Structure formats: C-alpha cells, structure tokens
Amino acid sequence: MTKLVKINHKPIFRFTKFFVYMIILIIILEFFWFFLTIRFVKAENLISKSFQIIAHRGDSLNEIENSPAAVESAMKIGASGIELDLQY
C-alpha cells in the first residue's frame, strides 16, 4: 500500500498573491501619476512638439481668404505654416 504525501501549496499561492497585489499597486500608482502630472503640462508645449498648425487660406476667420492680410494675421496668431490657393 502506498502512502499519500500531502503537498503544501501555500508558499506558491502566497508568491502569486504577492505579485498580483504588486501589479495592482503599480497600476494604481501609474493612474494617479498620470492624472497628477497632466495638470502641469502646458498646451503650448504639446502643440509645438506633437503637431503643427497650418493656416488654410491664411487666417480666413478674421481676414479675406488668400489675401496678404490673412497671411500676416495667421503669422501673428502663431501658425506653423500657411496653405494658399494660387491661380495664375
């Protein structure tokens, strides 16, 4: 007759439980870190690094489209580039 040996699984369970808790803690800390630091990011820094502002037909909201005044106004506002429709 063979003797049954009882295997203790508790150390493995404790080890796994520890890593699960650590992963949850890291996720929570990352979540709070993101929302704490997002307040201090200026919109100007995001715009200049992420994408460019191209003025379509100059500053067509305040001036006549495709006019020199629209181009000058777009440059004053801070557009990175200007797209014009030229005809000849």
PDB file of N, CA and C in Angstrom:
ATOM      1  N   MET A   1       0.837  -1.165   0.000  1.00  0.00           N
ATOM      2  CA  MET A   1       0.000   0.000   0.000  1.00  0.00           C
ATOM      3  C   MET A   1       0.897   1.248   0.000  1.00  0.00           C
ATOM      4  N   THR A   2       0.547   2.187  -0.885  1.00  0.00           N
ATOM      5  CA  THR A   2       1.357   3.396  -0.970  1.00  0.00           C
ATOM      6  C   THR A   2       0.845   4.453  -0.001  1.00  0.00           C
ATOM      7  N   LYS A   3       1.778   5.211   0.452  1.00  0.00           N
ATOM      8  CA  LYS A   3       1.436   6.257   1.406  1.00  0.00           C
ATOM      9  C   LYS A   3       1.244   7.568   0.643  1.00  0.00           C
ATOM     10  N   LEU A   4       0.151   8.267   0.925  1.00  0.00           N
ATOM     11  CA  LEU A   4      -0.118   9.543   0.285  1.00  0.00           C
ATOM     12  C   LEU A   4       0.665  10.649   0.989  1.00  0.00           C
ATOM     13  N   VAL A   5       1.282  11.462   0.169  1.00  0.00           N
ATOM     14  CA  VAL A   5       2.058  12.574   0.709  1.00  0.00           C
ATOM     15  C   VAL A   5       1.283  13.855   0.439  1.00  0.00           C
ATOM     16  N   LYS A   6       1.090  14.624   1.482  1.00  0.00           N
ATOM     17  CA  LYS A   6       0.370  15.873   1.349  1.00  0.00           C
ATOM     18  C   LYS A   6       1.348  16.956   0.879  1.00  0.00           C
ATOM     19  N   ILE A   7       0.966  17.651  -0.187  1.00  0.00           N
ATOM     20  CA  ILE A   7       1.805  18.716  -0.736  1.00  0.00           C
ATOM     21  C   ILE A   7       1.236  20.054  -0.261  1.00  0.00           C
ATOM     22  N   ASN A   8       2.124  20.895   0.232  1.00  0.00           N
ATOM     23  CA  ASN A   8       1.714  22.198   0.723  1.00  0.00           C
ATOM     24  C   ASN A   8       1.829  23.221  -0.410  1.00  0.00           C
ATOM     25  N   HIS A   9       0.684  23.759  -0.863  1.00  0.00           N
ATOM     26  CA  HIS A   9       0.674  24.726  -1.961  1.00  0.00           C
ATOM     27  C   HIS A   9       0.673  26.173  -1.469  1.00  0.00           C
ATOM     28  N   LYS A  10       0.637  26.397  -0.192  1.00  0.00           N
ATOM     29  CA  LYS A  10       0.530  27.749   0.332  1.00  0.00           C
ATOM     30  C   LYS A  10       1.701  28.656  -0.053  1.00  0.00           C
ATOM     31  N   PRO A  11       2.956  28.218  -0.034  1.00  0.00           N
ATOM     32  CA  PRO A  11       4.029  29.137  -0.445  1.00  0.00           C
ATOM     33  C   PRO A  11       3.875  29.626  -1.887  1.00  0.00           C
ATOM     34  N   ILE A  12       3.451  28.752  -2.790  1.00  0.00           N
ATOM     35  CA  ILE A  12       3.247  29.149  -4.187  1.00  0.00           C
ATOM     36  C   ILE A  12       2.093  30.134  -4.274  1.00  0.00           C
ATOM     37  N   PHE A  13       1.029  29.896  -3.544  1.00  0.00           N
ATOM     38  CA  PHE A  13      -0.123  30.791  -3.550  1.00  0.00           C
ATOM     39  C   PHE A  13       0.264  32.167  -2.995  1.00  0.00           C
ATOM     40  N   ARG A  14       1.044  32.184  -1.912  1.00  0.00           N
ATOM     41  CA  ARG A  14       1.481  33.453  -1.337  1.00  0.00           C
ATOM     42  C   ARG A  14       2.350  34.224  -2.322  1.00  0.00           C
ATOM     43  N   PHE A  15       3.200  33.527  -3.025  1.00  0.00           N
ATOM     44  CA  PHE A  15       4.086  34.150  -4.009  1.00  0.00           C
ATOM     45  C   PHE A  15       3.257  34.772  -5.137  1.00  0.00           C
ATOM     46  N   THR A  16       2.285  34.064  -5.649  1.00  0.00           N
ATOM     47  CA  THR A  16       1.421  34.551  -6.714  1.00  0.00           C
ATOM     48  C   THR A  16       0.563  35.709  -6.218  1.00  0.00           C
ATOM     49  N   LYS A  17       0.046  35.583  -5.026  1.00  0.00           N
ATOM     50  CA  LYS A  17      -0.778  36.629  -4.439  1.00  0.00           C
ATOM     51  C   LYS A  17       0.025  37.922  -4.282  1.00  0.00           C
ATOM     52  N   PHE A  18       1.282  37.803  -3.893  1.00  0.00           N
ATOM     53  CA  PHE A  18       2.158  38.966  -3.755  1.00  0.00           C
ATOM     54  C   PHE A  18       2.312  39.692  -5.089  1.00  0.00           C
ATOM     55  N   PHE A  19       2.560  38.955  -6.154  1.00  0.00           N
ATOM     56  CA  PHE A  19       2.745  39.584  -7.460  1.00  0.00           C
ATOM     57  C   PHE A  19       1.458  40.203  -7.984  1.00  0.00           C
ATOM     58  N   VAL A  20       0.344  39.587  -7.715  1.00  0.00           N
ATOM     59  CA  VAL A  20      -0.939  40.172  -8.121  1.00  0.00           C
ATOM     60  C   VAL A  20      -1.156  41.498  -7.404  1.00  0.00           C
ATOM     61  N   TYR A  21      -0.892  41.541  -6.109  1.00  0.00           N
ATOM     62  CA  TYR A  21      -1.030  42.785  -5.357  1.00  0.00           C
ATOM     63  C   TYR A  21      -0.048  43.848  -5.847  1.00  0.00           C
ATOM     64  N   MET A  22       1.154  43.437  -6.182  1.00  0.00           N
ATOM     65  CA  MET A  22       2.140  44.395  -6.683  1.00  0.00           C
ATOM     66  C   MET A  22       1.718  44.972  -8.035  1.00  0.00           C
ATOM     67  N   ILE A  23       1.175  44.163  -8.905  1.00  0.00           N
ATOM     68  CA  ILE A  23       0.703  44.646 -10.205  1.00  0.00           C
ATOM     69  C   ILE A  23      -0.454  45.611 -10.016  1.00  0.00           C
ATOM     70  N   ILE A  24      -1.370  45.296  -9.129  1.00  0.00           N
ATOM     71  CA  ILE A  24      -2.495  46.203  -8.852  1.00  0.00           C
ATOM     72  C   ILE A  24      -1.978  47.524  -8.287  1.00  0.00           C
ATOM     73  N   LEU A  25      -1.020  47.475  -7.387  1.00  0.00           N
ATOM     74  CA  LEU A  25      -0.445  48.682  -6.811  1.00  0.00           C
ATOM     75  C   LEU A  25       0.241  49.529  -7.881  1.00  0.00           C
ATOM     76  N   ILE A  26       0.983  48.899  -8.770  1.00  0.00           N
ATOM     77  CA  ILE A  26       1.656  49.625  -9.854  1.00  0.00           C
ATOM     78  C   ILE A  26       0.638  50.293 -10.772  1.00  0.00           C
ATOM     79  N   ILE A  27      -0.430  49.613 -11.103  1.00  0.00           N
ATOM     80  CA  ILE A  27      -1.468  50.188 -11.958  1.00  0.00           C
ATOM     81  C   ILE A  27      -2.106  51.400 -11.285  1.00  0.00           C
ATOM     82  N   ILE A  28      -2.396  51.287 -10.000  1.00  0.00           N
ATOM     83  CA  ILE A  28      -2.989  52.411  -9.272  1.00  0.00           C
ATOM     84  C   ILE A  28      -2.034  53.595  -9.213  1.00  0.00           C
ATOM     85  N   LEU A  29      -0.763  53.336  -8.935  1.00  0.00           N
ATOM     86  CA  LEU A  29       0.218  54.417  -8.882  1.00  0.00           C
ATOM     87  C   LEU A  29       0.402  55.087 -10.233  1.00  0.00           C
ATOM     88  N   GLU A  30       0.436  54.302 -11.307  1.00  0.00           N
ATOM     89  CA  GLU A  30       0.545  54.877 -12.651  1.00  0.00           C
ATOM     90  C   GLU A  30      -0.666  55.734 -12.974  1.00  0.00           C
ATOM     91  N   PHE A  31      -1.844  55.296 -12.570  1.00  0.00           N
ATOM     92  CA  PHE A  31      -3.069  56.047 -12.799  1.00  0.00           C
ATOM     93  C   PHE A  31      -3.000  57.409 -12.110  1.00  0.00           C
ATOM     94  N   PHE A  32      -2.616  57.418 -10.830  1.00  0.00           N
ATOM     95  CA  PHE A  32      -2.519  58.678 -10.102  1.00  0.00           C
ATOM     96  C   PHE A  32      -1.391  59.549 -10.630  1.00  0.00           C
ATOM     97  N   TRP A  33      -0.270  58.946 -11.006  1.00  0.00           N
ATOM     98  CA  TRP A  33       0.850  59.720 -11.539  1.00  0.00           C
ATOM     99  C   TRP A  33       0.438  60.426 -12.827  1.00  0.00           C
ATOM    100  N   PHE A  34      -0.294  59.747 -13.684  1.00  0.00           N
ATOM    101  CA  PHE A  34      -0.752  60.341 -14.938  1.00  0.00           C
ATOM    102  C   PHE A  34      -1.637  61.547 -14.669  1.00  0.00           C
ATOM    103  N   PHE A  35      -2.613  61.402 -13.775  1.00  0.00           N
ATOM    104  CA  PHE A  35      -3.545  62.495 -13.528  1.00  0.00           C
ATOM    105  C   PHE A  35      -2.946  63.615 -12.687  1.00  0.00           C
ATOM    106  N   LEU A  36      -1.903  63.333 -11.915  1.00  0.00           N
ATOM    107  CA  LEU A  36      -1.240  64.411 -11.186  1.00  0.00           C
ATOM    108  C   LEU A  36      -0.336  65.230 -12.097  1.00  0.00           C
ATOM    109  N   THR A  37       0.314  64.578 -13.046  1.00  0.00           N
ATOM    110  CA  THR A  37       1.242  65.300 -13.917  1.00  0.00           C
ATOM    111  C   THR A  37       0.549  65.951 -15.106  1.00  0.00           C
ATOM    112  N   ILE A  38      -0.633  65.495 -15.496  1.00  0.00           N
ATOM    113  CA  ILE A  38      -1.298  66.055 -16.676  1.00  0.00           C
ATOM    114  C   ILE A  38      -1.703  67.510 -16.425  1.00  0.00           C
ATOM    115  N   ARG A  39      -1.908  67.883 -15.160  1.00  0.00           N
ATOM    116  CA  ARG A  39      -2.287  69.256 -14.846  1.00  0.00           C
ATOM    117  C   ARG A  39      -1.171  70.243 -15.139  1.00  0.00           C
ATOM    118  N   PHE A  40       0.069  69.810 -15.039  1.00  0.00           N
ATOM    119  CA  PHE A  40       1.199  70.709 -15.174  1.00  0.00           C
ATOM    120  C   PHE A  40       1.752  70.774 -16.592  1.00  0.00           C
ATOM    121  N   VAL A  41       1.138  70.082 -17.527  1.00  0.00           N
ATOM    122  CA  VAL A  41       1.577  70.121 -18.920  1.00  0.00           C
ATOM    123  C   VAL A  41       0.883  71.284 -19.601  1.00  0.00           C
ATOM    124  N   LYS A  42       1.646  72.168 -20.204  1.00  0.00           N
ATOM    125  CA  LYS A  42       1.067  73.319 -20.885  1.00  0.00           C
ATOM    126  C   LYS A  42       0.652  72.927 -22.293  1.00  0.00           C
ATOM    127  N   ALA A  43      -0.436  73.518 -22.740  1.00  0.00           N
ATOM    128  CA  ALA A  43      -0.935  73.213 -24.086  1.00  0.00           C
ATOM    129  C   ALA A  43       0.057  73.655 -25.152  1.00  0.00           C
ATOM    130  N   GLU A  44       0.784  74.742 -24.919  1.00  0.00           N
ATOM    131  CA  GLU A  44       1.745  75.228 -25.908  1.00  0.00           C
ATOM    132  C   GLU A  44       2.854  74.209 -26.149  1.00  0.00           C
ATOM    133  N   ASN A  45       3.290  73.537 -25.078  1.00  0.00           N
ATOM    134  CA  ASN A  45       4.340  72.533 -25.225  1.00  0.00           C
ATOM    135  C   ASN A  45       3.841  71.326 -26.012  1.00  0.00           C
ATOM    136  N   LEU A  46       2.592  70.926 -25.809  1.00  0.00           N
ATOM    137  CA  LEU A  46       2.046  69.790 -26.547  1.00  0.00           C
ATOM    138  C   LEU A  46       1.897  70.123 -28.019  1.00  0.00           C
ATOM    139  N   ILE A  47       1.439  71.316 -28.312  1.00  0.00           N
ATOM    140  CA  ILE A  47       1.215  71.703 -29.709  1.00  0.00           C
ATOM    141  C   ILE A  47       2.533  71.773 -30.455  1.00  0.00           C
ATOM    142  N   SER A  48       3.545  72.390 -29.870  1.00  0.00           N
ATOM    143  CA  SER A  48       4.799  72.576 -30.582  1.00  0.00           C
ATOM    144  C   SER A  48       5.537  71.253 -30.804  1.00  0.00           C
ATOM    145  N   LYS A  49       5.334  70.269 -29.941  1.00  0.00           N
ATOM    146  CA  LYS A  49       6.053  69.006 -30.082  1.00  0.00           C
ATOM    147  C   LYS A  49       5.248  67.951 -30.840  1.00  0.00           C
ATOM    148  N   SER A  50       3.934  68.017 -30.759  1.00  0.00           N
ATOM    149  CA  SER A  50       3.124  66.954 -31.324  1.00  0.00           C
ATOM    150  C   SER A  50       2.763  67.187 -32.782  1.00  0.00           C
ATOM    151  N   PHE A  51       2.304  68.368 -33.098  1.00  0.00           N
ATOM    152  CA  PHE A  51       1.873  68.625 -34.465  1.00  0.00           C
ATOM    153  C   PHE A  51       2.041  70.098 -34.786  1.00  0.00           C
ATOM    154  N   GLN A  52       1.862  70.423 -36.052  1.00  0.00           N
ATOM    155  CA  GLN A  52       1.986  71.804 -36.499  1.00  0.00           C
ATOM    156  C   GLN A  52       0.608  72.356 -36.824  1.00  0.00           C
ATOM    157  N   ILE A  53       0.467  73.648 -36.657  1.00  0.00           N
ATOM    158  CA  ILE A  53      -0.774  74.322 -37.027  1.00  0.00           C
ATOM    159  C   ILE A  53      -0.560  74.963 -38.389  1.00  0.00           C
ATOM    160  N   ILE A  54      -1.334  74.511 -39.361  1.00  0.00           N
ATOM    161  CA  ILE A  54      -1.264  75.051 -40.716  1.00  0.00           C
ATOM    162  C   ILE A  54      -2.530  75.866 -40.960  1.00  0.00           C
ATOM    163  N   ALA A  55      -2.345  77.129 -41.326  1.00  0.00           N
ATOM    164  CA  ALA A  55      -3.481  78.011 -41.577  1.00  0.00           C
ATOM    165  C   ALA A  55      -3.958  77.805 -43.016  1.00  0.00           C
ATOM    166  N   HIS A  56      -5.173  77.301 -43.170  1.00  0.00           N
ATOM    167  CA  HIS A  56      -5.740  77.077 -44.506  1.00  0.00           C
ATOM    168  C   HIS A  56      -6.259  78.407 -45.046  1.00  0.00           C
ATOM    169  N   ARG A  57      -5.678  78.857 -46.147  1.00  0.00           N
ATOM    170  CA  ARG A  57      -6.006  80.146 -46.780  1.00  0.00           C
ATOM    171  C   ARG A  57      -5.708  81.312 -45.848  1.00  0.00           C
ATOM    172  N   GLY A  58      -4.689  81.174 -45.038  1.00  0.00           N
ATOM    173  CA  GLY A  58      -4.335  82.226 -44.084  1.00  0.00           C
ATOM    174  C   GLY A  58      -5.290  82.204 -42.908  1.00  0.00           C
ATOM    175  N   ASP A  59      -5.438  83.350 -42.259  1.00  0.00           N
ATOM    176  CA  ASP A  59      -6.394  83.484 -41.159  1.00  0.00           C
ATOM    177  C   ASP A  59      -7.738  83.858 -41.776  1.00  0.00           C
ATOM    178  N   SER A  60      -8.424  82.876 -42.336  1.00  0.00           N
ATOM    179  CA  SER A  60      -9.669  83.140 -43.068  1.00  0.00           C
ATOM    180  C   SER A  60     -10.838  83.477 -42.146  1.00  0.00           C
ATOM    181  N   LEU A  61     -10.659  83.314 -40.856  1.00  0.00           N
ATOM    182  CA  LEU A  61     -11.723  83.668 -39.926  1.00  0.00           C
ATOM    183  C   LEU A  61     -11.808  85.182 -39.722  1.00  0.00           C
ATOM    184  N   ASN A  62     -10.666  85.846 -39.677  1.00  0.00           N
ATOM    185  CA  ASN A  62     -10.622  87.274 -39.394  1.00  0.00           C
ATOM    186  C   ASN A  62     -10.339  88.150 -40.606  1.00  0.00           C
ATOM    187  N   GLU A  63      -9.796  87.584 -41.660  1.00  0.00           N
ATOM    188  CA  GLU A  63      -9.431  88.352 -42.854  1.00  0.00           C
ATOM    189  C   GLU A  63     -10.002  87.682 -44.098  1.00  0.00           C
ATOM    190  N   ILE A  64      -9.873  88.344 -45.245  1.00  0.00           N
ATOM    191  CA  ILE A  64     -10.331  87.774 -46.508  1.00  0.00           C
ATOM    192  C   ILE A  64      -9.401  86.627 -46.888  1.00  0.00           C
ATOM    193  N   GLU A  65      -9.970  85.503 -47.346  1.00  0.00           N
ATOM    194  CA  GLU A  65      -9.178  84.312 -47.681  1.00  0.00           C
ATOM    195  C   GLU A  65      -8.164  84.614 -48.779  1.00  0.00           C
ATOM    196  N   ASN A  66      -7.000  83.986 -48.662  1.00  0.00           N
ATOM    197  CA  ASN A  66      -5.913  84.066 -49.644  1.00  0.00           C
ATOM    198  C   ASN A  66      -5.378  85.477 -49.839  1.00  0.00           C
ATOM    199  N   SER A  67      -5.609  86.360 -48.906  1.00  0.00           N
ATOM    200  CA  SER A  67      -5.108  87.728 -49.035  1.00  0.00           C
ATOM    201  C   SER A  67      -3.826  87.898 -48.222  1.00  0.00           C
ATOM    202  N   PRO A  68      -3.010  88.904 -48.590  1.00  0.00           N
ATOM    203  CA  PRO A  68      -1.804  89.154 -47.785  1.00  0.00           C
ATOM    204  C   PRO A  68      -2.129  89.462 -46.316  1.00  0.00           C
ATOM    205  N   ALA A  69      -3.260  90.116 -46.076  1.00  0.00           N
ATOM    206  CA  ALA A  69      -3.650  90.407 -44.696  1.00  0.00           C
ATOM    207  C   ALA A  69      -3.939  89.113 -43.924  1.00  0.00           C
ATOM    208  N   ALA A  70      -4.541  88.127 -44.596  1.00  0.00           N
ATOM    209  CA  ALA A  70      -4.819  86.839 -43.948  1.00  0.00           C
ATOM    210  C   ALA A  70      -3.530  86.108 -43.614  1.00  0.00           C
ATOM    211  N   VAL A  71      -2.534  86.203 -44.498  1.00  0.00           N
ATOM    212  CA  VAL A  71      -1.242  85.564 -44.254  1.00  0.00           C
ATOM    213  C   VAL A  71      -0.554  86.218 -43.059  1.00  0.00           C
ATOM    214  N   GLU A  72      -0.550  87.543 -43.024  1.00  0.00           N
ATOM    215  CA  GLU A  72       0.078  88.258 -41.903  1.00  0.00           C
ATOM    216  C   GLU A  72      -0.637  87.957 -40.590  1.00  0.00           C
ATOM    217  N   SER A  73      -1.944  87.896 -40.616  1.00  0.00           N
ATOM    218  CA  SER A  73      -2.714  87.605 -39.407  1.00  0.00           C
ATOM    219  C   SER A  73      -2.434  86.186 -38.905  1.00  0.00           C
ATOM    220  N   ALA A  74      -2.311  85.229 -39.825  1.00  0.00           N
ATOM    221  CA  ALA A  74      -2.004  83.846 -39.439  1.00  0.00           C
ATOM    222  C   ALA A  74      -0.622  83.752 -38.799  1.00  0.00           C
ATOM    223  N   MET A  75       0.329  84.525 -39.332  1.00  0.00           N
ATOM    224  CA  MET A  75       1.676  84.522 -38.755  1.00  0.00           C
ATOM    225  C   MET A  75       1.660  85.139 -37.356  1.00  0.00           C
ATOM    226  N   LYS A  76       0.847  86.175 -37.139  1.00  0.00           N
ATOM    227  CA  LYS A  76       0.753  86.801 -35.822  1.00  0.00           C
ATOM    228  C   LYS A  76       0.108  85.861 -34.804  1.00  0.00           C
ATOM    229  N   ILE A  77      -0.868  85.091 -35.257  1.00  0.00           N
ATOM    230  CA  ILE A  77      -1.544  84.153 -34.353  1.00  0.00           C
ATOM    231  C   ILE A  77      -0.595  83.043 -33.914  1.00  0.00           C
ATOM    232  N   GLY A  78       0.343  82.668 -34.780  1.00  0.00           N
ATOM    233  CA  GLY A  78       1.310  81.636 -34.418  1.00  0.00           C
ATOM    234  C   GLY A  78       1.212  80.365 -35.241  1.00  0.00           C
ATOM    235  N   ALA A  79       0.682  80.474 -36.455  1.00  0.00           N
ATOM    236  CA  ALA A  79       0.590  79.298 -37.324  1.00  0.00           C
ATOM    237  C   ALA A  79       1.984  78.849 -37.744  1.00  0.00           C
ATOM    238  N   SER A  80       2.195  77.537 -37.816  1.00  0.00           N
ATOM    239  CA  SER A  80       3.488  76.984 -38.228  1.00  0.00           C
ATOM    240  C   SER A  80       3.681  77.083 -39.733  1.00  0.00           C
ATOM    241  N   GLY A  81       2.589  77.047 -40.468  1.00  0.00           N
ATOM    242  CA  GLY A  81       2.654  77.125 -41.919  1.00  0.00           C
ATOM    243  C   GLY A  81       1.358  77.665 -42.476  1.00  0.00           C
ATOM    244  N   ILE A  82       1.385  77.987 -43.756  1.00  0.00           N
ATOM    245  CA  ILE A  82       0.200  78.547 -44.407  1.00  0.00           C
ATOM    246  C   ILE A  82      -0.014  77.814 -45.719  1.00  0.00           C
ATOM    247  N   GLU A  83      -1.251  77.433 -45.977  1.00  0.00           N
ATOM    248  CA  GLU A  83      -1.628  76.769 -47.235  1.00  0.00           C
ATOM    249  C   GLU A  83      -2.490  77.751 -48.008  1.00  0.00           C
ATOM    250  N   LEU A  84      -2.071  78.050 -49.241  1.00  0.00           N
ATOM    251  CA  LEU A  84      -2.782  79.019 -50.067  1.00  0.00           C
ATOM    252  C   LEU A  84      -3.215  78.377 -51.373  1.00  0.00           C
ATOM    253  N   ASP A  85      -4.279  78.916 -51.944  1.00  0.00           N
ATOM    254  CA  ASP A  85      -4.723  78.522 -53.270  1.00  0.00           C
ATOM    255  C   ASP A  85      -4.277  79.598 -54.243  1.00  0.00           C
ATOM    256  N   LEU A  86      -3.302  79.290 -55.066  1.00  0.00           N
ATOM    257  CA  LEU A  86      -2.777  80.249 -56.015  1.00  0.00           C
ATOM    258  C   LEU A  86      -3.296  79.932 -57.416  1.00  0.00           C
ATOM    259  N   GLN A  87      -3.676  80.961 -58.127  1.00  0.00           N
ATOM    260  CA  GLN A  87      -4.121  80.816 -59.519  1.00  0.00           C
ATOM    261  C   GLN A  87      -3.331  81.798 -60.352  1.00  0.00           C
ATOM    262  N   TYR A  88      -2.978  81.381 -61.574  1.00  0.00           N
ATOM    263  CA  TYR A  88      -2.256  82.284 -62.475  1.00  0.00           C
ATOM    264  C   TYR A  88      -2.766  82.121 -63.870  1.00  0.00           C
TER     265      TYR A  88
END
